[in-house]
C-alpha atoms as a PDB file:
ATOM      1  CA  MET A   1      -9.905 -45.543   9.668  1.00  0.00           C
ATOM      2  CA  GLY A   2     -10.498 -49.072  10.903  1.00  0.00           C
ATOM      3  CA  SER A   3     -10.465 -52.377   9.122  1.00  0.00           C
ATOM      4  CA  VAL A   4     -13.139 -54.989   8.711  1.00  0.00           C
ATOM      5  CA  TYR A   5     -12.176 -58.609   9.267  1.00  0.00           C
ATOM      6  CA  LEU A   6     -14.227 -61.380   7.740  1.00  0.00           C
ATOM      7  CA  ILE A   7     -13.688 -65.097   7.636  1.00  0.00           C
ATOM      8  CA  GLY A   8     -14.229 -66.796   4.304  1.00  0.00           C
ATOM      9  CA  LYS A   9     -13.036 -70.058   2.812  1.00  0.00           C
ATOM     10  CA  GLY A  10     -10.872 -70.706   5.855  1.00  0.00           C
ATOM     11  CA  ASP A  11      -8.846 -67.533   5.343  1.00  0.00           C
ATOM     12  CA  GLU A  12      -9.031 -64.187   7.088  1.00  0.00           C
ATOM     13  CA  ILE A  13      -9.908 -61.361   4.733  1.00  0.00           C
ATOM     14  CA  MET A  14      -9.135 -57.775   5.660  1.00  0.00           C
ATOM     15  CA  LEU A  15     -10.846 -54.832   3.995  1.00  0.00           C
ATOM     16  CA  THR A  16     -10.541 -51.212   5.008  1.00  0.00           C
ATOM     17  CA  GLN A  17     -13.667 -49.115   5.405  1.00  0.00           C
ATOM     18  CA  ASN A  18     -12.840 -47.289   2.178  1.00  0.00           C
ATOM     19  CA  GLN A  19     -12.439 -50.558   0.279  1.00  0.00           C
ATOM     20  CA  VAL A  20     -15.877 -51.596   1.533  1.00  0.00           C
ATOM     21  CA  LYS A  21     -17.286 -48.205   0.417  1.00  0.00           C
ATOM     22  CA  VAL A  22     -15.820 -48.730  -3.062  1.00  0.00           C
ATOM     23  CA  LEU A  23     -17.237 -52.265  -3.263  1.00  0.00           C
ATOM     24  CA  ARG A  24     -20.687 -51.105  -2.154  1.00  0.00           C
ATOM     25  CA  MET A  25     -20.573 -48.216  -4.638  1.00  0.00           C
ATOM     26  CA  ILE A  26     -19.724 -50.596  -7.481  1.00  0.00           C
ATOM     27  CA  ILE A  27     -22.607 -52.910  -6.530  1.00  0.00           C
ATOM     28  CA  ASN A  28     -25.034 -49.982  -6.390  1.00  0.00           C
ATOM     29  CA  TYR A  29     -23.749 -48.517  -9.660  1.00  0.00           C
ATOM     30  CA  LEU A  30     -24.076 -51.837 -11.479  1.00  0.00           C
ATOM     31  CA  GLY A  31     -27.631 -52.134 -10.161  1.00  0.00           C
ATOM     32  CA  GLU A  32     -28.477 -48.751 -11.705  1.00  0.00           C
ATOM     33  CA  ASN A  33     -26.506 -49.032 -14.965  1.00  0.00           C
ATOM     34  CA  GLU A  34     -25.635 -51.662 -17.521  1.00  0.00           C
ATOM     35  CA  ILE A  35     -21.909 -50.948 -17.302  1.00  0.00           C
ATOM     36  CA  GLY A  36     -19.375 -50.602 -14.525  1.00  0.00           C
ATOM     37  CA  PRO A  37     -18.224 -47.259 -13.137  1.00  0.00           C
ATOM     38  CA  THR A  38     -15.016 -45.526 -14.131  1.00  0.00           C
ATOM     39  CA  ASN A  39     -12.528 -44.611 -11.406  1.00  0.00           C
ATOM     40  CA  GLU A  40     -13.590 -40.995 -11.852  1.00  0.00           C
ATOM     41  CA  GLU A  41     -17.231 -41.934 -11.283  1.00  0.00           C
ATOM     42  CA  ILE A  42     -16.258 -43.802  -8.129  1.00  0.00           C
ATOM     43  CA  GLU A  43     -14.415 -40.725  -6.874  1.00  0.00           C
ATOM     44  CA  LYS A  44     -17.377 -38.473  -7.694  1.00  0.00           C
ATOM     45  CA  ARG A  45     -19.978 -40.771  -6.112  1.00  0.00           C
ATOM     46  CA  LEU A  46     -17.952 -41.124  -2.929  1.00  0.00           C
ATOM     47  CA  ASN A  47     -17.110 -37.414  -2.963  1.00  0.00           C
ATOM     48  CA  VAL A  48     -13.378 -38.062  -2.672  1.00  0.00           C
ATOM     49  CA  ASN A  49     -10.263 -36.942  -4.485  1.00  0.00           C
ATOM     50  CA  TRP A  50      -7.947 -39.908  -4.196  1.00  0.00           C
ATOM     51  CA  SER A  51      -7.683 -41.523  -7.626  1.00  0.00           C
ATOM     52  CA  SER A  52      -4.473 -43.407  -6.829  1.00  0.00           C
ATOM     53  CA  GLU A  53      -6.108 -44.942  -3.768  1.00  0.00           C
ATOM     54  CA  VAL A  54      -9.206 -45.900  -5.764  1.00  0.00           C
ATOM     55  CA  CYS A  55      -6.883 -47.789  -8.136  1.00  0.00           C
ATOM     56  CA  GLU A  56      -5.210 -49.519  -5.190  1.00  0.00           C
ATOM     57  CA  TYR A  57      -8.581 -50.425  -3.655  1.00  0.00           C
ATOM     58  CA  MET A  58      -9.765 -51.876  -6.964  1.00  0.00           C
ATOM     59  CA  ASP A  59      -6.549 -53.917  -7.270  1.00  0.00           C
ATOM     60  CA  LYS A  60      -6.996 -55.246  -3.716  1.00  0.00           C
ATOM     61  CA  LEU A  61     -10.673 -56.091  -4.295  1.00  0.00           C
ATOM     62  CA  GLU A  62      -9.661 -57.986  -7.423  1.00  0.00           C
ATOM     63  CA  ARG A  63      -6.857 -59.873  -5.624  1.00  0.00           C
ATOM     64  CA  LEU A  64      -9.331 -60.893  -2.904  1.00  0.00           C
ATOM     65  CA  GLY A  65     -11.754 -62.193  -5.513  1.00  0.00           C
ATOM     66  CA  CYS A  66     -14.439 -59.579  -4.784  1.00  0.00           C
ATOM     67  CA  ILE A  67     -14.427 -58.170  -8.315  1.00  0.00           C
ATOM     68  CA  ILE A  68     -13.249 -59.206 -11.759  1.00  0.00           C
ATOM     69  CA  ARG A  69     -12.008 -56.711 -14.343  1.00  0.00           C
ATOM     70  CA  ASP A  70     -10.961 -57.089 -17.955  1.00  0.00           C
ATOM     71  CA  ASP A  71      -8.184 -54.597 -18.691  1.00  0.00           C
ATOM     72  CA  ARG A  72      -8.935 -54.870 -22.408  1.00  0.00           C
ATOM     73  CA  MET A  73     -12.468 -53.548 -21.900  1.00  0.00           C
ATOM     74  CA  PRO A  74     -13.215 -50.292 -20.082  1.00  0.00           C
ATOM     75  CA  ARG A  75     -15.971 -50.348 -17.443  1.00  0.00           C
ATOM     76  CA  SER A  76     -15.953 -54.151 -17.331  1.00  0.00           C
ATOM     77  CA  ILE A  77     -16.230 -54.631 -13.566  1.00  0.00           C
ATOM     78  CA  VAL A  78     -18.126 -57.652 -12.296  1.00  0.00           C
ATOM     79  CA  VAL A  79     -18.791 -58.173  -8.579  1.00  0.00           C
ATOM     80  CA  THR A  80     -18.286 -61.831  -7.726  1.00  0.00           C
ATOM     81  CA  ASP A  81     -20.541 -63.882  -5.488  1.00  0.00           C
ATOM     82  CA  GLU A  82     -17.810 -63.634  -2.842  1.00  0.00           C
ATOM     83  CA  GLY A  83     -17.846 -59.833  -3.070  1.00  0.00           C
ATOM     84  CA  LYS A  84     -21.634 -59.741  -2.755  1.00  0.00           C
ATOM     85  CA  LYS A  85     -21.472 -62.117   0.193  1.00  0.00           C
ATOM     86  CA  LEU A  86     -18.937 -59.924   1.997  1.00  0.00           C
ATOM     87  CA  VAL A  87     -21.131 -56.840   1.619  1.00  0.00           C
ATOM     88  CA  LYS A  88     -24.196 -58.762   2.856  1.00  0.00           C
ATOM     89  CA  LEU A  89     -22.256 -59.914   5.930  1.00  0.00           C
ATOM     90  CA  LEU A  90     -21.290 -56.334   6.689  1.00  0.00           C
ATOM     91  CA  ASP A  91     -24.890 -55.153   6.395  1.00  0.00           C
ATOM     92  CA  ILE A  92     -26.057 -57.528   9.143  1.00  0.00           C
END
């Protein structure tokens, strides 16, 4: 499993392929629904069984500024402009 390196705001950002898959899945899910996915829905959509890793990936995506979550509200994931930009760069 390789990593993806992107340059943004003068800093190097490293995302694993699975982190990119999770970010893309969230973007697609939000485009289809009015609410964010649960961790279980992410696991089901990606056909994986690694809930602890999904949590870690979400934490990393939030630290990198790709998503914003509100712990007080379930399913409150927002993909930031930076997160959308990263996915667009990877699709080129």
